[in-house]
Amino acid sequence: MLDLPQRMDTKQLAAFIPHQGPMLLLDCVESWDDSKIVCSATSHLDANNPLKVNGRLSYIHVIEYGAQAAAIHLAINAIDTKKPMVGYNKLTPISSAYLAVTRNFSFEEGYLDAHPNSRLILTSEVILVGPRIYQYHVNGTIDGKTLAEGTISLVTDEVQD
């Protein structure tokens, strides 16, 4: 059994998801448990952010930030077996997770990059766990104001023994 730290920086996060370089959008895992992860990011302020469209980063991009947080949460829970993921008695090993569905998202109107010197806070909380599918409620905030929230579903590959 591993005892993973509550707080992890970008270098540590890179071990949990395939996103590397500028596509690793998150800076830090602030905290996590069996049901929720809270991450932070400042990459929305990066002029070279790969998600920018016409030089801007819409609130809709909170979906990708939240999906990365959820994928890290899933990977952490697959590794840290001291306590099973909420709603599931055993999490099987995974080789990868894919964003499959987004639904019921609400967005404020605006751009993430319009908040200078800000930190984007992403919370991804498990709402449903089943074989190979994991639903999370995703919430993105800056300065305590919710910019976007909704539900995502991650689907995982089966790992062959």
Protein backbone atom coordinates (compact mmCIF):
# COMPACT_ATOMS: atom_id res chain seq x y z
CA MET A 1 0.00 0.00 0.00
CA LEU A 2 1.23 3.43 -0.87
CA ASP A 3 0.87 6.55 1.18
CA LEU A 4 0.59 9.31 -1.42
CA PRO A 5 0.89 12.93 -0.30
CA GLN A 6 -2.18 15.14 -0.14
CA ARG A 7 -0.42 17.94 -1.99
CA MET A 8 1.43 17.24 -5.24
CA ASP A 9 3.13 19.57 -7.71
CA THR A 10 3.29 19.47 -11.52
CA LYS A 11 6.29 17.16 -11.59
CA GLN A 12 4.45 14.61 -9.45
CA LEU A 13 1.21 14.99 -11.45
CA ALA A 14 2.97 14.05 -14.67
CA ALA A 15 3.25 10.49 -13.38
CA PHE A 16 -0.53 10.11 -13.22
CA ILE A 17 -1.75 11.21 -16.66
CA PRO A 18 -0.32 11.09 -20.18
CA HIS A 19 -0.63 14.87 -20.66
CA GLN A 20 2.84 16.39 -20.68
CA GLY A 21 4.40 19.77 -21.38
CA PRO A 22 1.89 22.52 -22.06
CA MET A 23 -1.04 20.05 -22.18
CA LEU A 24 -0.56 19.26 -18.48
CA LEU A 25 -2.78 22.14 -17.44
CA LEU A 26 -2.77 21.69 -13.67
CA ASP A 27 -0.10 23.05 -11.33
CA CYS A 28 -0.97 21.28 -8.12
CA VAL A 29 -3.18 18.80 -6.34
CA GLU A 30 -4.27 20.77 -3.28
CA SER A 31 -6.02 17.82 -1.59
CA TRP A 32 -7.75 14.53 -2.35
CA ASP A 33 -9.63 11.70 -0.70
CA ASP A 34 -11.59 8.67 -1.88
CA SER A 35 -14.41 10.82 -3.30
CA LYS A 36 -12.94 14.17 -4.36
CA ILE A 37 -9.87 15.99 -5.63
CA VAL A 38 -9.10 19.70 -5.54
CA CYS A 39 -6.49 21.00 -7.97
CA SER A 40 -5.22 24.43 -8.94
CA ALA A 41 -3.84 25.92 -12.12
CA THR A 42 -2.36 29.10 -13.51
CA SER A 43 -1.88 27.81 -17.06
CA HIS A 44 -5.03 29.70 -18.10
CA LEU A 45 -2.81 32.79 -17.97
CA ASP A 46 -0.13 31.32 -20.23
CA ALA A 47 -0.02 33.12 -23.59
CA ASN A 48 0.91 29.80 -25.21
CA ASN A 49 -1.85 27.71 -23.64
CA PRO A 50 -2.60 25.04 -26.30
CA LEU A 51 -6.37 25.28 -25.73
CA LYS A 52 -6.62 28.94 -26.74
CA VAL A 53 -8.88 29.73 -29.68
CA ASN A 54 -8.26 33.07 -31.38
CA GLY A 55 -5.95 33.97 -28.51
CA ARG A 56 -8.62 33.43 -25.81
CA LEU A 57 -9.50 30.70 -23.33
CA SER A 58 -13.25 30.37 -22.77
CA TYR A 59 -14.88 29.10 -19.60
CA ILE A 60 -15.85 25.99 -21.59
CA HIS A 61 -12.24 24.88 -21.19
CA VAL A 62 -12.97 24.19 -17.51
CA ILE A 63 -14.19 20.84 -18.85
CA GLU A 64 -10.65 19.83 -19.86
CA TYR A 65 -9.15 21.16 -16.62
CA GLY A 66 -11.74 19.24 -14.59
CA ALA A 67 -11.26 16.09 -16.67
CA GLN A 68 -7.52 16.19 -15.96
CA ALA A 69 -8.25 16.56 -12.25
CA ALA A 70 -10.69 13.62 -12.37
CA ALA A 71 -8.19 11.46 -14.29
CA ILE A 72 -5.52 12.19 -11.67
CA HIS A 73 -8.02 11.32 -8.93
CA LEU A 74 -8.81 8.04 -10.66
CA ALA A 75 -5.12 7.20 -11.07
CA ILE A 76 -4.37 8.06 -7.43
CA ASN A 77 -7.20 5.83 -6.25
CA ALA A 78 -6.01 2.97 -8.45
CA ILE A 79 -2.58 3.23 -6.80
CA ASP A 80 -3.43 4.15 -3.22
CA THR A 81 -5.33 1.09 -2.08
CA LYS A 82 -5.45 1.90 1.64
CA LYS A 83 -9.09 2.95 1.26
CA PRO A 84 -11.20 2.04 -1.77
CA MET A 85 -12.75 4.74 -3.93
CA VAL A 86 -16.13 5.84 -2.65
CA GLY A 87 -18.93 3.70 -4.08
CA TYR A 88 -16.63 0.92 -5.18
CA ASN A 89 -15.05 -1.83 -3.11
CA LYS A 90 -12.09 -2.42 -5.41
CA LEU A 91 -10.72 -0.25 -8.18
CA THR A 92 -9.08 -2.33 -10.89
CA PRO A 93 -5.82 -1.22 -12.45
CA ILE A 94 -6.25 1.07 -15.43
CA SER A 95 -3.99 1.82 -18.35
CA SER A 96 -5.80 4.95 -19.50
CA ALA A 97 -8.98 6.97 -19.07
CA TYR A 98 -10.86 8.88 -21.74
CA LEU A 99 -13.31 11.73 -21.47
CA ALA A 100 -16.44 10.13 -22.89
CA VAL A 101 -19.39 12.35 -21.99
CA THR A 102 -20.05 15.84 -20.71
CA ARG A 103 -23.52 16.90 -19.62
CA ASN A 104 -25.51 19.44 -17.67
CA PHE A 105 -22.76 22.05 -17.81
CA SER A 106 -23.51 25.64 -16.99
CA PHE A 107 -21.06 28.39 -17.85
CA GLU A 108 -20.66 32.00 -16.94
CA GLU A 109 -19.92 34.16 -19.95
CA GLY A 110 -16.30 35.11 -20.19
CA TYR A 111 -12.71 34.06 -20.54
CA LEU A 112 -10.37 32.34 -18.10
CA ASP A 113 -7.47 34.50 -19.29
CA ALA A 114 -9.40 37.67 -18.36
CA HIS A 115 -8.50 37.14 -14.68
CA PRO A 116 -4.90 38.37 -14.28
CA ASN A 117 -2.84 36.97 -11.42
CA SER A 118 -5.57 34.44 -10.63
CA ARG A 119 -5.52 30.81 -9.63
CA LEU A 120 -8.14 28.51 -11.16
CA ILE A 121 -9.47 26.00 -8.62
CA LEU A 122 -10.87 22.73 -9.97
CA THR A 123 -12.93 20.35 -7.88
CA SER A 124 -13.84 16.96 -9.31
CA GLU A 125 -16.09 14.83 -7.10
CA VAL A 126 -17.20 11.25 -7.76
CA ILE A 127 -20.94 10.87 -8.25
CA LEU A 128 -21.14 7.40 -9.83
CA VAL A 129 -18.73 4.49 -10.18
CA GLY A 130 -19.28 1.42 -12.31
CA PRO A 131 -17.20 -1.07 -14.22
CA ARG A 132 -14.92 1.04 -16.44
CA ILE A 133 -17.02 4.23 -16.07
CA TYR A 134 -16.56 7.01 -13.54
CA GLN A 135 -18.80 10.06 -13.34
CA TYR A 136 -17.58 13.24 -11.69
CA HIS A 137 -19.17 16.56 -10.87
CA VAL A 138 -16.67 19.20 -12.02
CA ASN A 139 -16.54 22.74 -10.71
CA GLY A 140 -14.14 25.51 -11.77
CA THR A 141 -13.78 28.69 -9.72
CA ILE A 142 -11.63 31.80 -9.63
CA ASP A 143 -11.66 33.95 -6.49
CA GLY A 144 -14.55 31.88 -5.13
CA LYS A 145 -16.81 32.52 -8.14
CA THR A 146 -18.05 29.48 -10.05
CA LEU A 147 -17.27 29.88 -13.75
CA ALA A 148 -18.40 26.48 -14.98
CA GLU A 149 -19.77 23.27 -13.55
CA GLY A 150 -21.33 20.05 -14.76
CA THR A 151 -20.86 16.31 -15.08
CA ILE A 152 -18.19 14.38 -16.96
CA SER A 153 -17.81 10.66 -17.51
CA LEU A 154 -14.45 8.97 -17.83
CA VAL A 155 -14.21 5.53 -19.42
CA THR A 156 -11.17 3.36 -18.73
CA ASP A 157 -9.36 0.64 -20.61
CA GLU A 158 -9.31 -2.80 -19.07
CA VAL A 159 -5.90 -3.95 -17.99
CA GLN A 160 -5.02 -7.44 -19.15
CA ASP A 161 -3.17 -9.68 -16.69
